[in-house]
């Protein structure tokens, strides 16, 4: 058979580390899992010097108190104000009978659009990833599994998920309490949110993003 006629069986999914997203957890192909918290932010620059120092010390204490690894992810995405500009444009048409007001809205709409375009305004989102290692399942990586492009789960999902939840949920609750002490709200991301998040990450051509991760 001509090689050109052989169907390509490999898919993008086969090259991704994610096996599935269910029960609000990310399941990876090696049997490990991850629980992701979405964390609120605080405008640090608007705080007084004493408030800034208090938050810095509180955050340092939070990190020093941890007995398990976490990953802090900061995801920046260009601010999408198209809906707001469309709303202003509609208001501009509605106020057409009042030329002065209509021109004021038009000028404001152009100002906002140009400002965002020139300054490249970014919307930052913060996440904390709590990992569950496959080693906790008693699975040791081998050279074969490391170099294989595709691999199957070492155990069934019905076996992995309860083990992962038993390990991850106490850590999740502990982190949520610690973040609350420094005025931040942390919540576990749901399945639909996780699917949307990873879709945007792996389809960066459709969504201009920058990712920065700091491993503790």
N, C-alpha and C. Protein backbone atom coordinates (compact mmCIF):
# COMPACT_ATOMS: atom_id res chain seq x y z
N UNK A 1 0.84 -1.20 0.00
CA UNK A 1 0.00 0.00 0.00
C UNK A 1 0.88 1.25 0.00
N UNK A 2 0.46 2.23 -0.79
CA UNK A 2 1.18 3.50 -0.85
C UNK A 2 1.16 4.17 0.51
N UNK A 3 2.34 4.67 0.96
CA UNK A 3 2.42 5.31 2.28
C UNK A 3 1.50 6.51 2.38
N UNK A 4 1.22 7.14 1.25
CA UNK A 4 0.35 8.32 1.26
C UNK A 4 -1.09 7.94 1.56
N UNK A 5 -1.43 6.65 1.35
CA UNK A 5 -2.79 6.20 1.57
C UNK A 5 -2.99 5.64 2.98
N UNK A 6 -1.91 5.51 3.75
CA UNK A 6 -2.02 4.99 5.11
C UNK A 6 -2.58 6.08 6.01
N UNK A 7 -3.70 5.82 6.69
CA UNK A 7 -4.29 6.85 7.53
C UNK A 7 -3.39 7.20 8.70
N UNK A 8 -3.38 8.46 9.06
CA UNK A 8 -2.62 8.92 10.21
C UNK A 8 -3.43 8.65 11.46
N UNK A 9 -2.94 7.79 12.31
CA UNK A 9 -3.68 7.39 13.49
C UNK A 9 -3.36 8.28 14.70
N UNK A 10 -2.18 8.86 14.69
CA UNK A 10 -1.80 9.70 15.83
C UNK A 10 -2.65 10.96 15.87
N UNK A 11 -3.06 11.35 17.03
CA UNK A 11 -3.83 12.57 17.21
C UNK A 11 -3.13 13.47 18.20
N UNK A 12 -3.58 14.71 18.27
CA UNK A 12 -2.98 15.65 19.22
C UNK A 12 -3.13 15.14 20.63
N UNK A 13 -4.29 14.53 20.93
CA UNK A 13 -4.53 14.04 22.29
C UNK A 13 -3.50 13.02 22.73
N UNK A 14 -2.96 12.24 21.79
CA UNK A 14 -2.00 11.21 22.14
C UNK A 14 -0.68 11.81 22.62
N UNK A 15 -0.42 13.05 22.27
CA UNK A 15 0.84 13.68 22.65
C UNK A 15 0.67 14.59 23.86
N UNK A 16 -0.53 14.70 24.40
CA UNK A 16 -0.77 15.50 25.59
C UNK A 16 -0.64 14.62 26.83
N UNK A 17 -0.20 15.18 27.94
CA UNK A 17 -0.05 14.38 29.16
C UNK A 17 -1.37 14.08 29.85
N UNK A 18 -2.45 14.74 29.43
CA UNK A 18 -3.74 14.60 30.10
C UNK A 18 -4.50 13.39 29.57
N UNK A 19 -4.92 12.52 30.47
CA UNK A 19 -5.73 11.37 30.11
C UNK A 19 -7.21 11.72 30.13
N UNK A 20 -7.63 12.46 31.17
CA UNK A 20 -9.05 12.80 31.30
C UNK A 20 -9.20 13.91 32.35
N UNK A 21 -10.34 14.57 32.30
CA UNK A 21 -10.71 15.56 33.33
C UNK A 21 -12.10 15.17 33.82
N UNK A 22 -12.18 14.75 35.06
CA UNK A 22 -13.46 14.33 35.62
C UNK A 22 -13.43 14.46 37.13
N UNK A 23 -14.62 14.57 37.70
CA UNK A 23 -14.76 14.76 39.16
C UNK A 23 -13.93 15.93 39.66
N UNK A 24 -13.81 16.96 38.81
CA UNK A 24 -13.08 18.20 39.16
C UNK A 24 -11.59 17.98 39.36
N UNK A 25 -11.06 16.90 38.79
CA UNK A 25 -9.63 16.61 38.87
C UNK A 25 -9.07 16.38 37.47
N UNK A 26 -7.78 16.67 37.31
CA UNK A 26 -7.09 16.39 36.06
C UNK A 26 -6.32 15.08 36.23
N UNK A 27 -6.62 14.10 35.39
CA UNK A 27 -5.96 12.80 35.45
C UNK A 27 -4.93 12.73 34.34
N UNK A 28 -3.67 12.46 34.71
CA UNK A 28 -2.61 12.37 33.72
C UNK A 28 -2.37 10.92 33.31
N UNK A 29 -1.68 10.74 32.19
CA UNK A 29 -1.54 9.41 31.61
C UNK A 29 -0.69 8.46 32.43
N UNK A 30 0.14 9.00 33.32
CA UNK A 30 0.98 8.13 34.14
C UNK A 30 0.29 7.74 35.44
N UNK A 31 -0.97 8.15 35.61
CA UNK A 31 -1.71 7.82 36.81
C UNK A 31 -1.71 8.91 37.86
N UNK A 32 -0.90 9.93 37.68
CA UNK A 32 -0.91 11.05 38.61
C UNK A 32 -2.12 11.94 38.34
N UNK A 33 -2.43 12.80 39.32
CA UNK A 33 -3.59 13.68 39.20
C UNK A 33 -3.22 15.07 39.70
N UNK A 34 -4.10 16.02 39.45
CA UNK A 34 -3.88 17.38 39.93
C UNK A 34 -5.21 18.01 40.26
N UNK A 35 -5.22 18.73 41.38
CA UNK A 35 -6.37 19.53 41.79
C UNK A 35 -5.96 20.99 41.63
N UNK A 36 -6.80 21.79 40.99
CA UNK A 36 -6.43 23.17 40.69
C UNK A 36 -7.36 24.14 41.41
N UNK A 37 -6.75 25.08 42.13
CA UNK A 37 -7.50 26.13 42.82
C UNK A 37 -7.39 27.43 42.03
N UNK A 38 -8.52 28.10 41.85
CA UNK A 38 -8.51 29.46 41.31
C UNK A 38 -8.45 30.40 42.49
N UNK A 39 -7.48 31.31 42.47
CA UNK A 39 -7.23 32.19 43.62
C UNK A 39 -7.46 33.64 43.22
N UNK A 40 -8.15 34.38 44.08
CA UNK A 40 -8.39 35.79 43.82
C UNK A 40 -7.09 36.57 43.96
N UNK A 41 -7.12 37.84 43.59
CA UNK A 41 -5.92 38.67 43.66
C UNK A 41 -6.19 39.91 44.49
N UNK A 42 -5.12 40.64 44.79
CA UNK A 42 -5.22 41.89 45.53
C UNK A 42 -4.35 42.92 44.82
N UNK A 43 -4.84 44.16 44.75
CA UNK A 43 -4.07 45.22 44.11
C UNK A 43 -2.99 45.69 45.07
N UNK A 44 -1.82 45.09 44.93
CA UNK A 44 -0.73 45.30 45.88
C UNK A 44 -0.27 46.76 45.90
N UNK A 45 -0.26 47.42 44.74
CA UNK A 45 0.24 48.78 44.64
C UNK A 45 -0.62 49.79 45.39
N UNK A 46 -1.88 49.47 45.59
CA UNK A 46 -2.78 50.39 46.27
C UNK A 46 -2.72 50.27 47.79
N UNK A 47 -2.00 49.27 48.28
CA UNK A 47 -1.89 49.07 49.72
C UNK A 47 -0.82 49.98 50.32
N UNK A 48 -0.99 50.28 51.59
CA UNK A 48 0.03 51.06 52.29
C UNK A 48 1.27 50.19 52.50
N UNK A 49 2.37 50.81 52.87
CA UNK A 49 3.62 50.08 53.06
C UNK A 49 3.47 49.01 54.14
N UNK A 50 2.78 49.34 55.22
CA UNK A 50 2.58 48.36 56.30
C UNK A 50 1.72 47.19 55.83
N UNK A 51 0.68 47.50 55.04
CA UNK A 51 -0.19 46.44 54.53
C UNK A 51 0.58 45.53 53.57
N UNK A 52 1.44 46.12 52.76
CA UNK A 52 2.25 45.32 51.83
C UNK A 52 3.19 44.39 52.58
N UNK A 53 3.82 44.91 53.62
CA UNK A 53 4.73 44.09 54.41
C UNK A 53 3.97 42.96 55.11
N UNK A 54 2.76 43.27 55.59
CA UNK A 54 1.97 42.24 56.27
C UNK A 54 1.61 41.11 55.31
N UNK A 55 1.25 41.45 54.08
CA UNK A 55 0.90 40.43 53.10
C UNK A 55 2.12 39.61 52.72
N UNK A 56 3.25 40.26 52.56
CA UNK A 56 4.49 39.54 52.21
C UNK A 56 4.85 38.53 53.29
N UNK A 57 4.80 38.96 54.55
CA UNK A 57 5.13 38.06 55.66
C UNK A 57 4.11 36.92 55.78
N UNK A 58 2.83 37.26 55.55
CA UNK A 58 1.78 36.24 55.64
C UNK A 58 1.95 35.20 54.53
N UNK A 59 2.30 35.66 53.33
CA UNK A 59 2.49 34.74 52.21
C UNK A 59 3.72 33.86 52.44
N UNK A 60 4.79 34.47 52.99
CA UNK A 60 5.99 33.69 53.30
C UNK A 60 5.68 32.62 54.35
N UNK A 61 4.88 32.99 55.34
CA UNK A 61 4.50 32.02 56.37
C UNK A 61 3.67 30.90 55.78
N UNK A 62 2.80 31.26 54.83
CA UNK A 62 1.97 30.25 54.16
C UNK A 62 2.86 29.22 53.46
N UNK A 63 3.83 29.69 52.70
CA UNK A 63 4.72 28.78 51.96
C UNK A 63 5.56 27.93 52.91
N UNK A 64 6.05 28.56 53.96
CA UNK A 64 6.91 27.83 54.91
C UNK A 64 6.15 26.78 55.71
N UNK A 65 4.83 26.95 55.81
CA UNK A 65 4.04 26.00 56.60
C UNK A 65 3.64 24.77 55.81
N UNK A 66 3.85 24.79 54.50
CA UNK A 66 3.41 23.67 53.66
C UNK A 66 4.32 22.46 53.83
N UNK A 67 3.69 21.30 53.86
CA UNK A 67 4.43 20.05 53.95
C UNK A 67 4.29 19.23 52.66
N UNK A 68 3.74 19.85 51.64
CA UNK A 68 3.54 19.17 50.36
C UNK A 68 3.82 20.19 49.25
N UNK A 69 4.19 19.70 48.06
CA UNK A 69 4.52 20.62 46.96
C UNK A 69 3.27 21.24 46.34
N UNK A 70 3.42 22.45 45.84
CA UNK A 70 2.36 23.10 45.07
C UNK A 70 3.02 23.78 43.87
N UNK A 71 2.20 24.16 42.92
CA UNK A 71 2.68 24.92 41.78
C UNK A 71 1.80 26.16 41.64
N UNK A 72 2.43 27.32 41.59
CA UNK A 72 1.70 28.58 41.42
C UNK A 72 1.78 28.97 39.95
N UNK A 73 0.63 29.17 39.33
CA UNK A 73 0.58 29.51 37.91
C UNK A 73 -0.08 30.86 37.74
N UNK A 74 0.60 31.76 37.03
CA UNK A 74 0.04 33.07 36.69
C UNK A 74 -0.21 33.08 35.19
N UNK A 75 -1.44 33.23 34.80
CA UNK A 75 -1.80 33.20 33.38
C UNK A 75 -2.29 34.58 32.94
N UNK A 76 -1.60 35.16 31.99
CA UNK A 76 -1.95 36.48 31.49
C UNK A 76 -2.60 36.37 30.12
N UNK A 77 -3.67 37.09 29.96
CA UNK A 77 -4.42 37.05 28.70
C UNK A 77 -4.81 38.47 28.32
N UNK A 78 -4.65 38.79 27.06
CA UNK A 78 -5.00 40.14 26.60
C UNK A 78 -6.47 40.42 26.89
N UNK A 79 -6.73 41.57 27.47
CA UNK A 79 -8.08 41.94 27.88
C UNK A 79 -8.99 42.07 26.66
N UNK A 80 -10.12 41.37 26.70
CA UNK A 80 -11.09 41.42 25.62
C UNK A 80 -12.20 42.39 26.00
N UNK A 81 -12.21 43.56 25.35
CA UNK A 81 -13.23 44.58 25.66
C UNK A 81 -14.19 44.77 24.50
N UNK A 82 -14.21 43.80 23.58
CA UNK A 82 -15.06 43.93 22.39
C UNK A 82 -16.53 44.08 22.77
N UNK A 83 -16.98 43.33 23.79
CA UNK A 83 -18.39 43.43 24.21
C UNK A 83 -18.70 44.83 24.74
N UNK A 84 -17.75 45.39 25.49
CA UNK A 84 -17.95 46.73 26.05
C UNK A 84 -17.97 47.78 24.95
N UNK A 85 -17.09 47.65 23.95
CA UNK A 85 -17.06 48.58 22.83
C UNK A 85 -18.34 48.49 22.00
N UNK A 86 -18.85 47.27 21.84
CA UNK A 86 -20.12 47.09 21.11
C UNK A 86 -21.27 47.75 21.86
N UNK A 87 -21.24 47.65 23.19
CA UNK A 87 -22.28 48.30 24.00
C UNK A 87 -22.23 49.81 23.84
N UNK A 88 -21.02 50.37 23.84
CA UNK A 88 -20.88 51.82 23.65
C UNK A 88 -21.35 52.24 22.27
N UNK A 89 -21.06 51.41 21.27
CA UNK A 89 -21.49 51.73 19.91
C UNK A 89 -23.02 51.74 19.80
N UNK A 90 -23.67 50.80 20.49
CA UNK A 90 -25.13 50.78 20.49
C UNK A 90 -25.70 52.01 21.19
N UNK A 91 -25.07 52.40 22.30
CA UNK A 91 -25.52 53.59 23.01
C UNK A 91 -25.32 54.84 22.17
N UNK A 92 -24.26 54.83 21.39
CA UNK A 92 -24.00 55.95 20.49
C UNK A 92 -25.12 56.09 19.47
N UNK A 93 -25.62 54.94 18.97
CA UNK A 93 -26.73 54.97 18.00
C UNK A 93 -28.03 55.39 18.67
N UNK A 94 -28.24 54.90 19.91
CA UNK A 94 -29.47 55.23 20.64
C UNK A 94 -29.56 56.73 20.91
N UNK A 95 -28.41 57.35 21.18
CA UNK A 95 -28.38 58.78 21.51
C UNK A 95 -28.17 59.64 20.27
N UNK A 96 -28.48 59.10 19.09
CA UNK A 96 -28.26 59.85 17.85
C UNK A 96 -29.06 61.14 17.81
N UNK A 97 -30.22 61.17 18.50
CA UNK A 97 -31.04 62.37 18.52
C UNK A 97 -30.44 63.46 19.40
N UNK A 98 -29.38 63.11 20.14
CA UNK A 98 -28.68 64.08 20.98
C UNK A 98 -27.23 64.12 20.51
N UNK A 99 -26.92 64.96 19.50
CA UNK A 99 -25.57 64.96 18.89
C UNK A 99 -24.45 65.16 19.89
N UNK A 100 -24.64 66.00 20.89
CA UNK A 100 -23.58 66.26 21.86
C UNK A 100 -23.24 64.99 22.65
N UNK A 101 -24.28 64.33 23.17
CA UNK A 101 -24.07 63.11 23.94
C UNK A 101 -23.53 62.00 23.06
N UNK A 102 -24.04 61.90 21.83
CA UNK A 102 -23.58 60.86 20.91
C UNK A 102 -22.10 61.03 20.58
N UNK A 103 -21.65 62.27 20.37
CA UNK A 103 -20.24 62.51 20.07
C UNK A 103 -19.35 62.23 21.28
N UNK A 104 -19.88 62.52 22.48
CA UNK A 104 -19.11 62.22 23.70
C UNK A 104 -18.89 60.72 23.85
N UNK A 105 -19.94 59.93 23.59
CA UNK A 105 -19.83 58.46 23.67
C UNK A 105 -18.87 57.95 22.60
N UNK A 106 -18.95 58.53 21.41
CA UNK A 106 -18.06 58.12 20.32
C UNK A 106 -16.60 58.39 20.67
N UNK A 107 -16.34 59.58 21.23
CA UNK A 107 -14.98 59.92 21.62
C UNK A 107 -14.46 59.01 22.72
N UNK A 108 -15.32 58.71 23.67
CA UNK A 108 -14.92 57.81 24.78
C UNK A 108 -14.65 56.42 24.26
N UNK A 109 -15.47 55.94 23.33
CA UNK A 109 -15.29 54.60 22.76
C UNK A 109 -13.94 54.51 22.04
N UNK A 110 -13.60 55.52 21.27
CA UNK A 110 -12.31 55.51 20.57
C UNK A 110 -11.15 55.58 21.56
N UNK A 111 -11.32 56.37 22.61
CA UNK A 111 -10.25 56.51 23.61
C UNK A 111 -9.97 55.17 24.29
N UNK A 112 -11.04 54.47 24.70
CA UNK A 112 -10.87 53.19 25.38
C UNK A 112 -10.22 52.17 24.45
N UNK A 113 -10.69 52.11 23.20
CA UNK A 113 -10.13 51.15 22.25
C UNK A 113 -8.66 51.39 21.98
N UNK A 114 -8.27 52.65 21.80
CA UNK A 114 -6.87 52.97 21.52
C UNK A 114 -5.99 52.74 22.74
N UNK A 115 -6.52 53.05 23.94
CA UNK A 115 -5.74 52.88 25.16
C UNK A 115 -5.40 51.41 25.39
N UNK A 116 -6.41 50.54 25.23
CA UNK A 116 -6.19 49.11 25.43
C UNK A 116 -5.24 48.56 24.38
N UNK A 117 -5.36 49.06 23.15
CA UNK A 117 -4.51 48.58 22.06
C UNK A 117 -3.06 49.00 22.27
N UNK A 118 -2.83 50.24 22.68
CA UNK A 118 -1.47 50.74 22.84
C UNK A 118 -0.79 50.16 24.08
N UNK A 119 -1.53 50.07 25.15
CA UNK A 119 -0.94 49.64 26.42
C UNK A 119 -0.95 48.13 26.62
N UNK A 120 -1.61 47.42 25.68
CA UNK A 120 -1.65 45.95 25.77
C UNK A 120 -2.12 45.49 27.16
N UNK A 121 -3.32 45.93 27.54
CA UNK A 121 -3.86 45.64 28.86
C UNK A 121 -4.08 44.13 29.01
N UNK A 122 -3.58 43.57 30.10
CA UNK A 122 -3.66 42.13 30.33
C UNK A 122 -4.57 41.82 31.51
N UNK A 123 -5.27 40.71 31.38
CA UNK A 123 -6.10 40.20 32.47
C UNK A 123 -5.35 39.01 33.08
N UNK A 124 -4.95 39.15 34.34
CA UNK A 124 -4.17 38.10 34.99
C UNK A 124 -5.06 37.21 35.86
N UNK A 125 -4.84 35.92 35.76
CA UNK A 125 -5.56 34.95 36.59
C UNK A 125 -4.52 34.10 37.32
N UNK A 126 -4.85 33.74 38.56
CA UNK A 126 -3.91 33.03 39.42
C UNK A 126 -4.47 31.66 39.80
N UNK A 127 -3.60 30.67 39.70
CA UNK A 127 -4.00 29.30 40.02
C UNK A 127 -2.95 28.64 40.91
N UNK A 128 -3.41 27.72 41.75
CA UNK A 128 -2.50 26.90 42.55
C UNK A 128 -2.81 25.44 42.24
N UNK A 129 -1.80 24.71 41.82
CA UNK A 129 -1.95 23.31 41.45
C UNK A 129 -1.43 22.44 42.59
N UNK A 130 -2.26 21.51 43.04
CA UNK A 130 -1.84 20.54 44.07
C UNK A 130 -1.70 19.18 43.38
N UNK A 131 -0.49 18.63 43.31
CA UNK A 131 -0.29 17.38 42.58
C UNK A 131 -0.50 16.14 43.43
N UNK A 132 -0.91 15.08 42.77
CA UNK A 132 -0.98 13.75 43.36
C UNK A 132 -0.11 12.85 42.50
N UNK A 133 1.01 12.40 43.06
CA UNK A 133 1.99 11.66 42.28
C UNK A 133 1.57 10.22 42.07
N UNK A 134 1.96 9.68 40.91
CA UNK A 134 1.71 8.26 40.63
C UNK A 134 2.47 7.37 41.60
N UNK A 135 3.53 7.91 42.20
CA UNK A 135 4.30 7.14 43.19
C UNK A 135 3.43 6.80 44.39
N UNK A 136 2.43 7.65 44.68
CA UNK A 136 1.53 7.38 45.80
C UNK A 136 0.61 6.21 45.51
N UNK A 137 0.56 5.80 44.24
CA UNK A 137 -0.21 4.61 43.86
C UNK A 137 0.69 3.37 43.87
N UNK A 138 1.98 3.60 44.10
CA UNK A 138 2.92 2.48 44.07
C UNK A 138 3.43 2.21 42.68
N UNK A 139 3.35 3.24 41.80
CA UNK A 139 3.80 3.08 40.42
C UNK A 139 5.14 3.77 40.26
N UNK A 140 6.17 3.04 39.89
CA UNK A 140 7.50 3.60 39.66
C UNK A 140 7.72 3.75 38.17
N UNK A 141 8.19 4.93 37.71
CA UNK A 141 8.44 5.11 36.28
C UNK A 141 9.59 4.25 35.78
N UNK A 142 9.46 3.76 34.57
CA UNK A 142 10.53 2.96 33.96
C UNK A 142 11.01 3.68 32.71
N UNK A 143 12.17 3.25 32.20
CA UNK A 143 12.69 3.86 30.98
C UNK A 143 11.72 3.68 29.82
N UNK A 144 11.07 2.53 29.78
CA UNK A 144 10.11 2.27 28.69
C UNK A 144 8.96 3.25 28.74
N UNK A 145 8.40 3.47 29.94
CA UNK A 145 7.26 4.36 30.07
C UNK A 145 7.63 5.81 29.82
N UNK A 146 8.90 6.17 30.13
CA UNK A 146 9.34 7.55 29.94
C UNK A 146 9.43 7.89 28.46
N UNK A 147 9.95 6.95 27.64
CA UNK A 147 10.18 7.24 26.24
C UNK A 147 9.02 6.85 25.32
N UNK A 148 8.02 6.17 25.86
CA UNK A 148 6.85 5.84 25.05
C UNK A 148 6.03 7.08 24.80
N UNK A 149 5.58 7.28 23.58
CA UNK A 149 4.77 8.44 23.26
C UNK A 149 3.37 8.31 23.84
N UNK A 150 2.88 7.10 23.88
CA UNK A 150 1.55 6.87 24.44
C UNK A 150 1.66 5.78 25.50
N UNK A 151 0.79 5.86 26.46
CA UNK A 151 0.79 4.85 27.50
C UNK A 151 -0.59 4.79 28.11
N UNK A 152 -0.89 3.67 28.72
CA UNK A 152 -2.19 3.50 29.35
C UNK A 152 -2.05 3.71 30.85
N UNK A 153 -3.14 4.01 31.48
CA UNK A 153 -3.14 4.22 32.92
C UNK A 153 -2.68 2.95 33.64
N UNK A 154 -1.90 3.10 34.71
CA UNK A 154 -1.43 1.91 35.44
C UNK A 154 -2.56 1.21 36.18
N UNK A 155 -3.63 1.97 36.53
CA UNK A 155 -4.81 1.41 37.18
C UNK A 155 -6.04 2.05 36.55
N UNK A 156 -7.20 1.53 36.87
CA UNK A 156 -8.43 2.11 36.36
C UNK A 156 -8.71 3.44 37.04
N UNK A 157 -9.50 4.26 36.39
CA UNK A 157 -9.86 5.56 36.97
C UNK A 157 -10.66 5.39 38.26
N UNK A 158 -11.45 4.33 38.31
CA UNK A 158 -12.24 4.08 39.52
C UNK A 158 -11.35 3.79 40.72
N UNK A 159 -10.15 3.30 40.46
CA UNK A 159 -9.20 3.05 41.54
C UNK A 159 -8.38 4.30 41.86
N UNK A 160 -7.97 5.02 40.82
CA UNK A 160 -7.09 6.18 40.99
C UNK A 160 -7.81 7.34 41.68
N UNK A 161 -9.04 7.64 41.24
CA UNK A 161 -9.72 8.85 41.73
C UNK A 161 -9.95 8.85 43.24
N UNK A 162 -10.46 7.77 43.84
CA UNK A 162 -10.63 7.80 45.30
C UNK A 162 -9.31 8.00 46.05
N UNK A 163 -8.24 7.37 45.55
CA UNK A 163 -6.94 7.55 46.19
C UNK A 163 -6.49 9.00 46.08
N UNK A 164 -6.68 9.58 44.90
CA UNK A 164 -6.27 10.96 44.69
C UNK A 164 -7.07 11.92 45.57
N UNK A 165 -8.37 11.68 45.67
CA UNK A 165 -9.22 12.55 46.49
C UNK A 165 -8.84 12.48 47.97
N UNK A 166 -8.54 11.28 48.45
CA UNK A 166 -8.15 11.12 49.85
C UNK A 166 -6.88 11.91 50.16
N UNK A 167 -5.99 12.01 49.18
CA UNK A 167 -4.74 12.75 49.37
C UNK A 167 -4.90 14.24 49.14
N UNK A 168 -5.69 14.61 48.13
CA UNK A 168 -5.76 16.00 47.69
C UNK A 168 -6.74 16.86 48.49
N UNK A 169 -7.85 16.29 48.92
CA UNK A 169 -8.88 17.11 49.56
C UNK A 169 -8.43 17.74 50.87
N UNK A 170 -7.73 17.01 51.76
CA UNK A 170 -7.23 17.68 52.98
C UNK A 170 -6.24 18.82 52.66
N UNK A 171 -5.41 18.62 51.65
CA UNK A 171 -4.46 19.67 51.24
C UNK A 171 -5.22 20.87 50.68
N UNK A 172 -6.26 20.60 49.91
CA UNK A 172 -7.10 21.68 49.36
C UNK A 172 -7.71 22.51 50.49
N UNK A 173 -8.32 21.84 51.46
CA UNK A 173 -8.98 22.55 52.56
C UNK A 173 -7.97 23.36 53.37
N UNK A 174 -6.78 22.80 53.54
CA UNK A 174 -5.74 23.50 54.30
C UNK A 174 -5.30 24.77 53.57
N UNK A 175 -5.12 24.68 52.26
CA UNK A 175 -4.70 25.84 51.48
C UNK A 175 -5.77 26.92 51.45
N UNK A 176 -7.02 26.52 51.32
CA UNK A 176 -8.11 27.49 51.28
C UNK A 176 -8.14 28.31 52.57
N UNK A 177 -7.92 27.64 53.70
CA UNK A 177 -7.89 28.35 55.00
C UNK A 177 -6.70 29.28 55.08
N UNK A 178 -5.55 28.84 54.59
CA UNK A 178 -4.35 29.68 54.63
C UNK A 178 -4.50 30.93 53.77
N UNK A 179 -5.07 30.76 52.59
CA UNK A 179 -5.28 31.92 51.71
C UNK A 179 -6.30 32.89 52.31
N UNK A 180 -7.30 32.36 52.99
CA UNK A 180 -8.31 33.22 53.61
C UNK A 180 -7.69 34.12 54.67
N UNK A 181 -6.63 33.64 55.33
CA UNK A 181 -5.97 34.43 56.37
C UNK A 181 -5.28 35.66 55.81
N UNK A 182 -4.92 35.63 54.52
CA UNK A 182 -4.28 36.80 53.92
C UNK A 182 -5.25 37.53 52.98
N UNK A 183 -6.54 37.25 53.15
CA UNK A 183 -7.56 37.98 52.41
C UNK A 183 -7.78 37.53 50.99
N UNK A 184 -7.37 36.32 50.65
CA UNK A 184 -7.56 35.80 49.30
C UNK A 184 -8.58 34.67 49.31
N UNK A 185 -9.39 34.62 48.28
CA UNK A 185 -10.40 33.59 48.15
C UNK A 185 -9.91 32.52 47.18
N UNK A 186 -9.84 31.29 47.63
CA UNK A 186 -9.41 30.18 46.80
C UNK A 186 -10.56 29.17 46.71
N UNK A 187 -10.77 28.64 45.52
CA UNK A 187 -11.84 27.65 45.32
C UNK A 187 -11.37 26.62 44.31
N UNK A 188 -11.85 25.41 44.47
CA UNK A 188 -11.50 24.35 43.54
C UNK A 188 -12.22 24.55 42.22
N UNK A 189 -11.49 24.45 41.13
CA UNK A 189 -12.09 24.59 39.81
C UNK A 189 -12.90 23.35 39.46
N UNK A 190 -14.04 23.56 38.80
CA UNK A 190 -14.92 22.48 38.42
C UNK A 190 -14.52 21.89 37.06
N UNK A 191 -15.09 20.75 36.74
CA UNK A 191 -14.71 20.03 35.52
C UNK A 191 -14.84 20.89 34.27
N UNK A 192 -15.98 21.58 34.10
CA UNK A 192 -16.19 22.39 32.91
C UNK A 192 -15.18 23.53 32.83
N UNK A 193 -14.84 24.12 33.97
CA UNK A 193 -13.85 25.20 33.99
C UNK A 193 -12.48 24.67 33.60
N UNK A 194 -12.14 23.48 34.07
CA UNK A 194 -10.84 22.89 33.75
C UNK A 194 -10.73 22.56 32.27
N UNK A 195 -11.79 22.04 31.71
CA UNK A 195 -11.80 21.72 30.27
C UNK A 195 -11.59 22.99 29.45
N UNK A 196 -12.29 24.05 29.82
CA UNK A 196 -12.16 25.32 29.10
C UNK A 196 -10.76 25.89 29.25
N UNK A 197 -10.21 25.80 30.47
CA UNK A 197 -8.86 26.32 30.73
C UNK A 197 -7.82 25.62 29.86
N UNK A 198 -7.84 24.28 29.87
CA UNK A 198 -6.82 23.55 29.11
C UNK A 198 -7.05 23.65 27.60
N UNK A 199 -8.30 23.81 27.19
CA UNK A 199 -8.56 24.02 25.76
C UNK A 199 -7.89 25.32 25.31
N UNK A 200 -8.04 26.39 26.11
CA UNK A 200 -7.43 27.67 25.76
C UNK A 200 -5.91 27.60 25.79
N UNK A 201 -5.37 26.83 26.75
CA UNK A 201 -3.91 26.70 26.85
C UNK A 201 -3.33 26.00 25.62
N UNK A 202 -3.98 24.92 25.19
CA UNK A 202 -3.46 24.15 24.07
C UNK A 202 -3.94 24.65 22.71
N UNK A 203 -4.71 25.72 22.72
CA UNK A 203 -5.13 26.38 21.47
C UNK A 203 -4.75 27.85 21.57
N UNK A 204 -3.47 28.08 21.84
CA UNK A 204 -2.99 29.44 22.09
C UNK A 204 -3.10 30.32 20.86
N UNK A 205 -3.19 29.72 19.65
CA UNK A 205 -3.33 30.54 18.46
C UNK A 205 -4.68 31.25 18.42
N UNK A 206 -5.65 30.69 19.17
CA UNK A 206 -6.97 31.31 19.23
C UNK A 206 -7.10 32.24 20.42
N UNK A 207 -6.18 32.17 21.33
CA UNK A 207 -6.23 32.99 22.54
C UNK A 207 -4.81 33.35 22.93
N UNK A 208 -4.41 34.61 22.70
CA UNK A 208 -3.05 35.06 22.98
C UNK A 208 -2.81 35.07 24.47
N UNK A 209 -1.99 34.15 24.93
CA UNK A 209 -1.75 34.05 26.37
C UNK A 209 -0.29 33.89 26.66
N UNK A 210 0.05 34.19 27.90
CA UNK A 210 1.39 33.95 28.41
C UNK A 210 1.25 33.22 29.71
N UNK A 211 2.10 32.24 29.95
CA UNK A 211 2.00 31.46 31.17
C UNK A 211 3.32 31.53 31.92
N UNK A 212 3.19 31.64 33.20
CA UNK A 212 4.38 31.66 34.05
C UNK A 212 4.12 30.78 35.24
N UNK A 213 4.99 29.83 35.47
CA UNK A 213 4.80 28.91 36.59
C UNK A 213 6.02 28.95 37.49
N UNK A 214 5.77 28.97 38.78
CA UNK A 214 6.85 28.96 39.75
C UNK A 214 6.64 27.74 40.64
N UNK A 215 7.60 26.82 40.61
CA UNK A 215 7.49 25.57 41.38
C UNK A 215 8.06 25.76 42.77
N UNK A 216 7.28 25.40 43.76
CA UNK A 216 7.79 25.43 45.13
C UNK A 216 8.30 24.04 45.49
